[in-house]
Amino acid sequence: MHFSRSSAGDVLRLALPAVFEQVLVMLVFTLDTVMVGRYGGSQALAAIGVSAEMVATVSNIFVGMGISIATTSLVARSFGAGRLKRAEEYATLGILAAAASASMIAVLVFLFAGSAVRAAGAEAAVSLIASGYLRIVAVAIFFSMVLSSVNAVLRGYGNTKVPFVASAITTMTNLILDYGLIFGNLGMPELGVQGAAIATVIAQALGLTFSTTYMLRRSKVKPGLSHIQTLDIQRLKSFFRLSVPASMQEGSISLVRLLGQFMIIGLGTKALAANTMATMIESISFMPGWGFALAASALVGLKVGEGDHEGARAYAYTSVIMGSAVMGVISLLFLVFPQQLISMFVTGGEEDVVMLGALCLAIGAFEQPTMGASMISAGVLRGMGDTKTPFKVSFLTSWFIRMPLTIILIFFLKTPVWMVWVITAVYWLADSILLLKSMDSKLKALGHI
């Protein structure tokens, strides 16, 4: 693995907007959680934690990691090979698949929100808050999932700036409406947690409107219903050959994470609140990994489409090195300022929750570089059209390392919640080693295929 200075500029050009986009996505949710925590305390934080995990699980499995990944990879390789019509066919297919999945998921979340939260074992007060929040957020799920697929099309031909602008619009709208609707400021009604949900719906709708308008008017790849009429069975097979393993990979990771969240509920509301705060902060930290992974997928995909295998290797290795280094720097903040970061979420009187959350965050510092390496190497493989390897690795590490350790230590032994973070550090280390080896092997084989 070597660093290419000549490739670094292109990696940064695509990665930085993608990084900032992902940071904004998580920043708005984190600040949303901060405001909710300051409004309603530990119970409100716990409710948001349960709700967020459920929403993230279903949306990422079907669109965020399945349909969007397939769309970016196929559009990138088709565009890189100079086949614009094929790229537009894949773009159309991806957006329609996302819209259909989003509609189904939004309806299911709305209908079964209360049952799902109660089944998770949350306390009665937490369950009541979470179910009301989820029923409103169900509408936002549709907008956010379709937005994810539209942005995937844009990234496919190397446009990461428009998705960043869409995230900026979403973030600013969400924060302004949060401030007004949660606390009753700016002449708006005081709606508490439900106000946060309404703000999310409006913000996601505006973001989708912006990206869709740009795509239809100025994008180099313009989807349209006319492309469906000429779509052959091979395109469908290619799309599902990539999207299904990618969805299964996210399903493997998310289901283990969600089951772990349910086990944490059994440790009590304070443990759940502490874990939620630490997770929210960490969610921002690993966004650079996602940003570099998105850039790597697009750049490697374009180079593979062009037949430039040496260029693909240079972009891949440079992306992994740069992204992991950035996350290594961020991990230092978790080690030096964990208590200060956690304190942003709650007011006085809950020092024990703050200290527990700070310990979780400090332990989480050790998983940042390996998490980055895992994300980006998986992104490289997807850019090459390989979604099966990331799925196989994540299935192995999630179900044979992370899940057994969580069941034994958290469910049966009832160890403190910070032990969850020790487990995930071990999990990310194993995941990164296996994915890096797979990526290196696939890249070396490119010129010999």
Protein backbone atom coordinates (compact mmCIF):
# COMPACT_ATOMS: atom_id res chain seq x y z
CA MET A 1 0.00 0.00 0.00
CA HIS A 2 1.50 3.32 -1.06
CA PHE A 3 0.50 6.98 -0.93
CA SER A 4 0.24 8.80 -4.28
CA ARG A 5 0.73 12.56 -4.08
CA SER A 6 -0.58 13.00 -7.61
CA SER A 7 -3.84 11.28 -6.63
CA ALA A 8 -4.24 13.10 -3.32
CA GLY A 9 -5.65 16.26 -4.92
CA ASP A 10 -8.40 14.37 -6.76
CA VAL A 11 -9.21 12.36 -3.63
CA LEU A 12 -9.55 15.53 -1.57
CA ARG A 13 -11.58 17.28 -4.29
CA LEU A 14 -14.23 14.57 -4.09
CA ALA A 15 -13.74 13.53 -0.49
CA LEU A 16 -13.93 16.90 1.27
CA PRO A 17 -17.45 17.82 0.06
CA ALA A 18 -18.53 14.25 0.82
CA VAL A 19 -16.92 14.45 4.28
CA PHE A 20 -18.61 17.77 5.04
CA GLU A 21 -21.89 16.40 3.71
CA GLN A 22 -21.72 13.40 6.02
CA VAL A 23 -20.62 15.58 8.94
CA LEU A 24 -23.63 17.83 8.38
CA VAL A 25 -25.95 14.84 8.20
CA MET A 26 -24.81 13.61 11.60
CA LEU A 27 -24.29 17.09 13.04
CA VAL A 28 -27.93 17.98 12.58
CA PHE A 29 -29.01 14.76 14.28
CA THR A 30 -26.50 15.24 17.09
CA LEU A 31 -27.55 18.84 17.75
CA ASP A 32 -31.14 17.70 17.46
CA THR A 33 -30.39 15.19 20.22
CA VAL A 34 -28.60 17.86 22.29
CA MET A 35 -31.69 20.10 22.19
CA VAL A 36 -34.02 17.22 22.97
CA GLY A 37 -31.77 16.19 25.88
CA ARG A 38 -31.76 19.69 27.30
CA TYR A 39 -35.52 19.84 26.96
CA GLY A 40 -36.48 16.42 28.32
CA GLY A 41 -33.43 14.91 30.06
CA SER A 42 -32.47 11.24 30.14
CA GLN A 43 -35.88 9.88 29.17
CA ALA A 44 -36.03 12.00 26.03
CA LEU A 45 -32.43 11.04 25.16
CA ALA A 46 -33.19 7.37 25.60
CA ALA A 47 -36.29 7.69 23.40
CA ILE A 48 -34.32 9.37 20.63
CA GLY A 49 -31.61 6.71 20.92
CA VAL A 50 -34.05 3.84 20.42
CA SER A 51 -35.88 5.64 17.61
CA ALA A 52 -32.72 6.61 15.75
CA GLU A 53 -31.36 3.08 15.79
CA MET A 54 -34.59 1.67 14.38
CA VAL A 55 -34.83 4.30 11.62
CA ALA A 56 -31.17 3.95 10.68
CA THR A 57 -31.46 0.18 10.53
CA VAL A 58 -34.38 -0.03 8.11
CA SER A 59 -33.38 2.92 5.91
CA ASN A 60 -29.71 1.94 5.57
CA ILE A 61 -30.44 -1.69 4.81
CA PHE A 62 -32.73 -0.95 1.88
CA VAL A 63 -31.42 2.33 0.46
CA GLY A 64 -28.47 3.90 2.28
CA MET A 65 -26.17 0.90 1.82
CA GLY A 66 -27.96 -1.17 -0.82
CA ILE A 67 -29.60 0.82 -3.57
CA SER A 68 -27.38 3.89 -3.21
CA ILE A 69 -24.14 1.91 -3.32
CA ALA A 70 -25.24 -0.02 -6.41
CA THR A 71 -26.34 3.20 -8.09
CA THR A 72 -23.06 5.03 -7.48
CA SER A 73 -20.92 2.08 -8.56
CA LEU A 74 -22.85 1.34 -11.76
CA VAL A 75 -23.22 4.99 -12.77
CA ALA A 76 -19.50 5.60 -12.12
CA ARG A 77 -18.26 2.67 -14.21
CA SER A 78 -20.74 3.36 -17.02
CA PHE A 79 -19.90 7.08 -17.09
CA GLY A 80 -16.16 6.35 -16.93
CA ALA A 81 -16.52 4.03 -19.94
CA GLY A 82 -18.30 6.79 -21.90
CA ARG A 83 -21.69 5.02 -21.86
CA LEU A 84 -23.98 7.87 -20.84
CA LYS A 85 -27.25 6.16 -21.77
CA ARG A 86 -26.38 3.15 -19.63
CA ALA A 87 -25.47 5.44 -16.72
CA GLU A 88 -28.86 7.16 -17.03
CA GLU A 89 -30.64 3.80 -17.10
CA TYR A 90 -28.96 2.78 -13.86
CA ALA A 91 -29.72 6.18 -12.32
CA THR A 92 -33.41 5.85 -13.15
CA LEU A 93 -33.55 2.32 -11.81
CA GLY A 94 -31.85 3.35 -8.57
CA ILE A 95 -34.19 6.25 -7.86
CA LEU A 96 -37.34 4.25 -8.62
CA ALA A 97 -36.15 1.38 -6.42
CA ALA A 98 -35.42 3.84 -3.60
CA ALA A 99 -38.83 5.51 -3.89
CA ALA A 100 -40.65 2.16 -3.80
CA SER A 101 -38.64 0.92 -0.79
CA ALA A 102 -39.02 4.24 1.02
CA SER A 103 -42.79 4.25 0.62
CA MET A 104 -43.10 0.75 2.05
CA ILE A 105 -40.79 1.42 4.98
CA ALA A 106 -42.43 4.74 5.87
CA VAL A 107 -45.85 3.06 6.06
CA LEU A 108 -44.53 0.20 8.20
CA VAL A 109 -42.75 2.54 10.63
CA PHE A 110 -45.89 4.66 11.00
CA LEU A 111 -48.14 1.65 11.63
CA PHE A 112 -45.88 -0.33 13.96
CA ALA A 113 -43.81 2.33 15.73
CA GLY A 114 -45.42 1.80 19.12
CA SER A 115 -45.27 -2.00 18.96
CA ALA A 116 -41.60 -1.96 17.94
CA VAL A 117 -40.54 0.32 20.80
CA ARG A 118 -42.50 -1.69 23.37
CA ALA A 119 -41.04 -4.92 22.03
CA ALA A 120 -37.56 -3.47 22.57
CA GLY A 121 -38.32 -3.40 26.30
CA ALA A 122 -38.13 0.36 26.84
CA GLU A 123 -39.64 1.84 29.98
CA ALA A 124 -43.23 3.08 29.64
CA ALA A 125 -42.33 6.79 29.60
CA VAL A 126 -39.52 6.26 27.07
CA SER A 127 -41.79 4.12 24.89
CA LEU A 128 -44.49 6.78 24.79
CA ILE A 129 -42.07 9.50 23.70
CA ALA A 130 -40.30 7.30 21.13
CA SER A 131 -43.47 6.01 19.46
CA GLY A 132 -44.85 9.53 18.97
CA TYR A 133 -41.52 10.67 17.53
CA LEU A 134 -41.31 7.71 15.13
CA ARG A 135 -44.80 8.20 13.69
CA ILE A 136 -43.90 11.69 12.56
CA VAL A 137 -40.37 10.79 11.41
CA ALA A 138 -41.90 8.07 9.20
CA VAL A 139 -42.70 10.82 6.70
CA ALA A 140 -39.11 12.08 6.80
CA ILE A 141 -37.87 8.55 6.06
CA PHE A 142 -39.38 8.73 2.58
CA PHE A 143 -37.74 12.07 1.76
CA SER A 144 -34.33 11.12 3.17
CA MET A 145 -34.18 7.75 1.42
CA VAL A 146 -35.06 9.16 -2.00
CA LEU A 147 -32.59 12.01 -1.39
CA SER A 148 -29.91 9.40 -0.72
CA SER A 149 -30.50 7.78 -4.11
CA VAL A 150 -30.53 11.10 -5.97
CA ASN A 151 -27.22 12.06 -4.37
CA ALA A 152 -25.84 8.61 -5.26
CA VAL A 153 -26.45 9.41 -8.95
CA LEU A 154 -24.59 12.71 -8.65
CA ARG A 155 -21.63 11.10 -6.88
CA GLY A 156 -21.46 8.47 -9.59
CA TYR A 157 -20.00 10.94 -12.07
CA GLY A 158 -17.86 12.70 -9.46
CA ASN A 159 -20.23 15.43 -8.24
CA THR A 160 -19.98 15.57 -4.45
CA LYS A 161 -20.59 19.33 -4.17
CA VAL A 162 -24.35 19.33 -4.79
CA PRO A 163 -25.03 16.62 -2.17
CA PHE A 164 -23.01 18.76 0.26
CA VAL A 165 -25.11 21.85 -0.52
CA ALA A 166 -28.28 19.79 -0.08
CA SER A 167 -27.03 18.69 3.33
CA ALA A 168 -26.23 22.29 4.26
CA ILE A 169 -29.78 23.33 3.38
CA THR A 170 -31.19 20.41 5.36
CA THR A 171 -28.98 21.13 8.36
CA MET A 172 -29.72 24.84 8.62
CA THR A 173 -33.45 24.30 8.17
CA ASN A 174 -33.51 21.53 10.75
CA LEU A 175 -31.58 23.49 13.37
CA ILE A 176 -33.69 26.64 13.01
CA LEU A 177 -36.91 24.66 13.24
CA ASP A 178 -35.53 22.62 16.16
CA TYR A 179 -34.80 25.78 18.10
CA GLY A 180 -38.29 27.04 17.42
CA LEU A 181 -40.44 23.92 17.67
CA ILE A 182 -38.73 22.13 20.58
CA PHE A 183 -38.53 25.10 22.96
CA GLY A 184 -41.26 27.37 21.56
CA ASN A 185 -38.90 30.07 20.26
CA LEU A 186 -39.15 32.34 17.20
CA GLY A 187 -42.91 32.56 17.58
CA MET A 188 -43.37 28.82 17.08
CA PRO A 189 -45.33 26.45 19.37
CA GLU A 190 -43.45 24.49 22.04
CA LEU A 191 -43.77 20.86 20.89
CA GLY A 192 -40.76 19.20 22.54
CA VAL A 193 -39.66 15.89 21.01
CA GLN A 194 -42.48 15.98 18.45
CA GLY A 195 -41.23 19.39 17.35
CA ALA A 196 -37.87 17.82 16.57
CA ALA A 197 -39.60 15.22 14.42
CA ILE A 198 -41.58 17.85 12.48
CA ALA A 199 -38.40 19.84 11.88
CA THR A 200 -36.76 16.72 10.42
CA VAL A 201 -39.65 16.17 7.99
CA ILE A 202 -39.56 19.72 6.64
CA ALA A 203 -35.77 19.82 6.37
CA GLN A 204 -35.54 16.52 4.48
CA ALA A 205 -38.25 17.63 2.06
CA LEU A 206 -36.32 20.81 1.23
CA GLY A 207 -33.07 18.90 0.73
CA LEU A 208 -34.76 16.47 -1.66
CA THR A 209 -36.34 19.34 -3.60
CA PHE A 210 -32.96 21.02 -4.10
CA SER A 211 -31.06 17.90 -5.25
CA THR A 212 -33.86 16.71 -7.53
CA THR A 213 -34.16 20.12 -9.19
CA TYR A 214 -30.43 20.23 -9.87
CA MET A 215 -30.35 16.67 -11.18
CA LEU A 216 -33.20 17.24 -13.66
CA ARG A 217 -31.85 20.58 -14.91
CA ARG A 218 -28.06 20.49 -14.78
CA SER A 219 -26.77 17.01 -13.99
CA LYS A 220 -24.47 15.24 -16.47
CA VAL A 221 -26.51 12.10 -15.83
CA LYS A 222 -30.26 12.73 -16.11
CA PRO A 223 -32.63 9.91 -15.18
CA GLY A 224 -36.02 9.69 -16.87
CA LEU A 225 -38.94 7.29 -17.19
CA SER A 226 -38.13 6.84 -20.87
CA HIS A 227 -35.04 4.86 -19.84
CA ILE A 228 -37.21 2.23 -18.17
CA GLN A 229 -38.79 1.35 -21.50
CA THR A 230 -35.41 0.40 -22.97
CA LEU A 231 -34.01 -1.24 -19.84
CA ASP A 232 -33.00 -4.85 -20.50
CA ILE A 233 -32.80 -7.76 -18.11
CA GLN A 234 -29.01 -7.57 -17.89
CA ARG A 235 -29.20 -4.08 -16.36
CA LEU A 236 -31.61 -5.35 -13.73
CA LYS A 237 -29.37 -8.30 -12.95
CA SER A 238 -26.31 -6.04 -12.62
CA PHE A 239 -28.19 -3.68 -10.33
CA PHE A 240 -29.48 -6.36 -7.98
CA ARG A 241 -26.17 -8.25 -8.10
CA LEU A 242 -24.62 -5.23 -6.39
CA SER A 243 -27.50 -3.89 -4.31
CA VAL A 244 -28.56 -7.15 -2.64
CA PRO A 245 -25.14 -8.01 -1.08
CA ALA A 246 -24.70 -4.36 -0.07
CA SER A 247 -28.09 -4.41 1.64
CA MET A 248 -27.26 -7.72 3.29
CA GLN A 249 -23.99 -6.26 4.57
CA GLU A 250 -25.77 -3.32 6.15
CA GLY A 251 -28.44 -5.67 7.44
CA SER A 252 -25.78 -7.78 9.10
CA ILE A 253 -24.17 -4.76 10.77
CA SER A 254 -27.37 -2.90 11.64
CA LEU A 255 -29.23 -5.89 13.04
CA VAL A 256 -26.35 -6.70 15.39
CA ARG A 257 -26.18 -3.04 16.42
CA LEU A 258 -29.94 -2.89 16.97
CA LEU A 259 -29.97 -6.09 19.03
CA GLY A 260 -27.10 -4.65 21.04
CA GLN A 261 -29.19 -1.52 21.62
CA PHE A 262 -32.03 -3.67 22.95
CA MET A 263 -29.61 -5.38 25.34
CA ILE A 264 -28.37 -1.99 26.55
CA ILE A 265 -31.98 -1.07 27.34
CA GLY A 266 -31.86 -3.87 29.91
CA LEU A 267 -29.05 -2.02 31.73
CA GLY A 268 -31.40 0.88 32.51
CA THR A 269 -32.31 4.34 31.22
CA LYS A 270 -29.09 5.98 32.43
CA ALA A 271 -26.91 3.44 30.63
CA LEU A 272 -28.99 3.88 27.48
CA ALA A 273 -28.77 7.68 27.71
CA ALA A 274 -24.97 7.57 28.24
CA ASN A 275 -24.54 5.24 25.29
CA THR A 276 -26.79 7.45 23.13
CA MET A 277 -24.72 10.56 23.89
CA ALA A 278 -21.42 8.83 23.15
CA THR A 279 -22.84 7.29 19.96
CA MET A 280 -24.09 10.66 18.71
CA ILE A 281 -20.65 12.22 19.09
CA GLU A 282 -18.92 9.24 17.53
CA SER A 283 -21.38 9.36 14.64
CA ILE A 284 -19.92 12.72 13.65
CA SER A 285 -16.36 11.46 14.02
CA PHE A 286 -16.67 8.58 11.59
CA MET A 287 -18.24 10.74 8.89
CA PRO A 288 -14.78 11.46 7.41
CA GLY A 289 -14.48 7.71 6.90
CA TRP A 290 -17.78 7.66 5.03
CA GLY A 291 -16.76 10.70 2.99
CA PHE A 292 -13.48 9.15 1.86
CA ALA A 293 -15.30 5.87 1.20
CA LEU A 294 -17.79 7.61 -1.08
CA ALA A 295 -14.97 9.39 -2.90
CA ALA A 296 -13.02 6.15 -3.27
CA SER A 297 -16.05 4.35 -4.72
CA ALA A 298 -16.60 7.05 -7.32
CA LEU A 299 -12.92 7.52 -8.28
CA VAL A 300 -12.08 3.83 -8.40
CA GLY A 301 -15.29 3.12 -10.31
CA LEU A 302 -14.50 5.79 -12.90
CA LYS A 303 -10.95 4.49 -13.37
CA VAL A 304 -12.10 0.89 -13.68
CA GLY A 305 -14.62 2.03 -16.30
CA GLU A 306 -11.83 3.80 -18.19
CA GLY A 307 -9.61 0.71 -17.96
CA ASP A 308 -6.96 2.65 -15.98
CA HIS A 309 -6.06 0.00 -13.41
CA GLU A 310 -2.98 1.76 -12.10
CA GLY A 311 -5.05 4.90 -11.51
CA ALA A 312 -7.65 2.84 -9.64
CA ARG A 313 -4.96 1.42 -7.35
CA ALA A 314 -3.47 4.86 -6.68
CA TYR A 315 -6.86 6.33 -5.74
CA ALA A 316 -7.71 3.34 -3.55
CA TYR A 317 -4.54 3.30 -1.45
CA THR A 318 -4.41 7.10 -1.14
CA SER A 319 -8.03 7.24 0.03
CA VAL A 320 -7.45 4.61 2.73
CA ILE A 321 -4.31 6.29 4.06
CA MET A 322 -5.75 9.81 4.11
CA GLY A 323 -9.12 8.84 5.56
CA SER A 324 -7.67 6.68 8.32
CA ALA A 325 -5.22 9.44 9.25
CA VAL A 326 -8.02 11.99 9.58
CA MET A 327 -9.98 9.69 11.85
CA GLY A 328 -6.84 9.05 13.88
CA VAL A 329 -6.60 12.78 14.59
CA ILE A 330 -10.25 12.91 15.62
CA SER A 331 -9.72 10.05 18.05
CA LEU A 332 -7.34 12.25 20.04
CA LEU A 333 -10.23 14.61 20.84
CA PHE A 334 -12.15 11.72 22.37
CA LEU A 335 -9.21 10.88 24.61
CA VAL A 336 -8.51 14.45 25.73
CA PHE A 337 -12.01 15.99 25.98
CA PRO A 338 -14.56 13.19 26.52
CA GLN A 339 -16.34 14.75 29.49
CA GLN A 340 -16.59 18.17 27.88
CA LEU A 341 -18.09 16.67 24.72
CA ILE A 342 -20.65 14.58 26.60
CA SER A 343 -21.63 17.53 28.82
CA MET A 344 -23.12 19.29 25.79
CA PHE A 345 -26.11 16.94 25.91
CA VAL A 346 -27.47 17.46 29.41
CA THR A 347 -27.92 20.14 32.02
CA GLY A 348 -26.81 19.82 35.65
CA GLY A 349 -27.93 17.07 37.99
CA GLU A 350 -26.98 14.08 35.83
CA GLU A 351 -23.23 13.92 36.45
CA ASP A 352 -23.25 10.14 36.72
CA VAL A 353 -24.67 9.86 33.19
CA VAL A 354 -22.05 12.30 31.92
CA MET A 355 -19.18 10.37 33.48
CA LEU A 356 -20.43 7.07 32.09
CA GLY A 357 -20.86 8.57 28.63
CA ALA A 358 -17.38 10.11 28.79
CA LEU A 359 -15.84 6.73 29.58
CA CYS A 360 -17.64 5.17 26.59
CA LEU A 361 -16.38 7.93 24.31
CA ALA A 362 -12.77 7.62 25.53
CA ILE A 363 -12.80 3.90 24.77
CA GLY A 364 -14.34 4.68 21.38
CA ALA A 365 -11.23 6.67 20.48
CA PHE A 366 -9.31 3.46 19.91
CA GLU A 367 -11.64 2.24 17.17
CA GLN A 368 -11.56 5.35 14.98
CA PRO A 369 -8.58 4.59 12.67
CA THR A 370 -9.59 0.95 12.15
CA MET A 371 -13.18 1.98 11.51
CA GLY A 372 -11.95 4.40 8.85
CA ALA A 373 -9.79 1.75 7.19
CA SER A 374 -12.73 -0.67 7.16
CA MET A 375 -15.18 1.83 5.66
CA ILE A 376 -12.84 3.08 2.94
CA SER A 377 -11.51 -0.32 1.87
CA ALA A 378 -15.12 -1.51 1.57
CA GLY A 379 -15.84 1.59 -0.53
CA VAL A 380 -12.94 0.71 -2.84
CA LEU A 381 -14.27 -2.81 -3.33
CA ARG A 382 -17.73 -1.47 -4.14
CA GLY A 383 -16.29 0.93 -6.68
CA MET A 384 -14.78 -2.10 -8.40
CA GLY A 385 -18.20 -3.75 -8.46
CA ASP A 386 -17.55 -6.13 -5.56
CA THR A 387 -20.21 -5.92 -2.85
CA LYS A 388 -20.03 -9.60 -1.91
CA THR A 389 -16.67 -9.40 -0.13
CA PRO A 390 -17.71 -6.56 2.24
CA PHE A 391 -20.88 -8.51 3.03
CA LYS A 392 -19.00 -11.73 3.79
CA VAL A 393 -16.50 -9.94 6.02
CA SER A 394 -19.15 -7.96 7.91
CA PHE A 395 -21.27 -11.07 8.40
CA LEU A 396 -18.29 -12.92 9.85
CA THR A 397 -17.15 -10.15 12.18
CA SER A 398 -20.65 -9.04 13.22
CA TRP A 399 -22.14 -12.42 14.00
CA PHE A 400 -19.09 -14.37 15.13
CA ILE A 401 -17.23 -11.65 17.07
CA ARG A 402 -19.44 -8.69 17.99
CA MET A 403 -22.74 -10.49 18.65
CA PRO A 404 -21.42 -13.37 20.82
CA LEU A 405 -19.36 -10.99 22.95
CA THR A 406 -22.35 -8.68 23.40
CA ILE A 407 -24.66 -11.52 24.39
CA ILE A 408 -22.21 -12.91 26.93
CA LEU A 409 -20.97 -9.68 28.48
CA ILE A 410 -24.04 -7.43 28.27
CA PHE A 411 -27.09 -9.73 28.17
CA PHE A 412 -25.93 -12.46 30.56
CA LEU A 413 -23.21 -10.90 32.73
CA LYS A 414 -24.76 -7.40 32.77
CA THR A 415 -21.38 -5.68 32.62
CA PRO A 416 -21.36 -1.85 32.49
CA VAL A 417 -22.33 -0.21 29.20
CA TRP A 418 -18.74 0.90 28.51
CA MET A 419 -17.93 -2.76 27.81
CA VAL A 420 -20.00 -2.43 24.61
CA TRP A 421 -17.36 -0.01 23.36
CA VAL A 422 -14.55 -2.43 24.11
CA ILE A 423 -16.40 -5.04 22.07
CA THR A 424 -16.86 -2.71 19.09
CA ALA A 425 -13.16 -1.76 19.18
CA VAL A 426 -12.26 -5.45 18.81
CA TYR A 427 -14.88 -5.82 16.07
CA TRP A 428 -13.58 -2.91 13.96
CA LEU A 429 -9.98 -4.11 14.27
CA ALA A 430 -10.88 -7.55 12.90
CA ASP A 431 -13.12 -6.06 10.20
CA SER A 432 -10.44 -3.66 8.95
CA ILE A 433 -7.73 -6.33 8.76
CA LEU A 434 -9.89 -8.65 6.67
CA LEU A 435 -11.17 -5.91 4.34
CA LEU A 436 -7.74 -4.38 3.78
CA LYS A 437 -6.34 -7.76 2.79
CA SER A 438 -9.26 -8.37 0.43
CA MET A 439 -8.93 -4.92 -1.13
CA ASP A 440 -5.19 -5.34 -1.70
CA SER A 441 -5.70 -8.71 -3.33
CA LYS A 442 -8.45 -7.44 -5.66
CA LEU A 443 -6.44 -4.38 -6.67
CA LYS A 444 -3.36 -6.42 -7.49
CA ALA A 445 -5.48 -8.74 -9.63
CA LEU A 446 -7.01 -5.89 -11.67
CA GLY A 447 -4.31 -5.88 -14.37
CA HIS A 448 -4.43 -9.66 -14.70
CA ILE A 449 -8.16 -10.07 -15.32
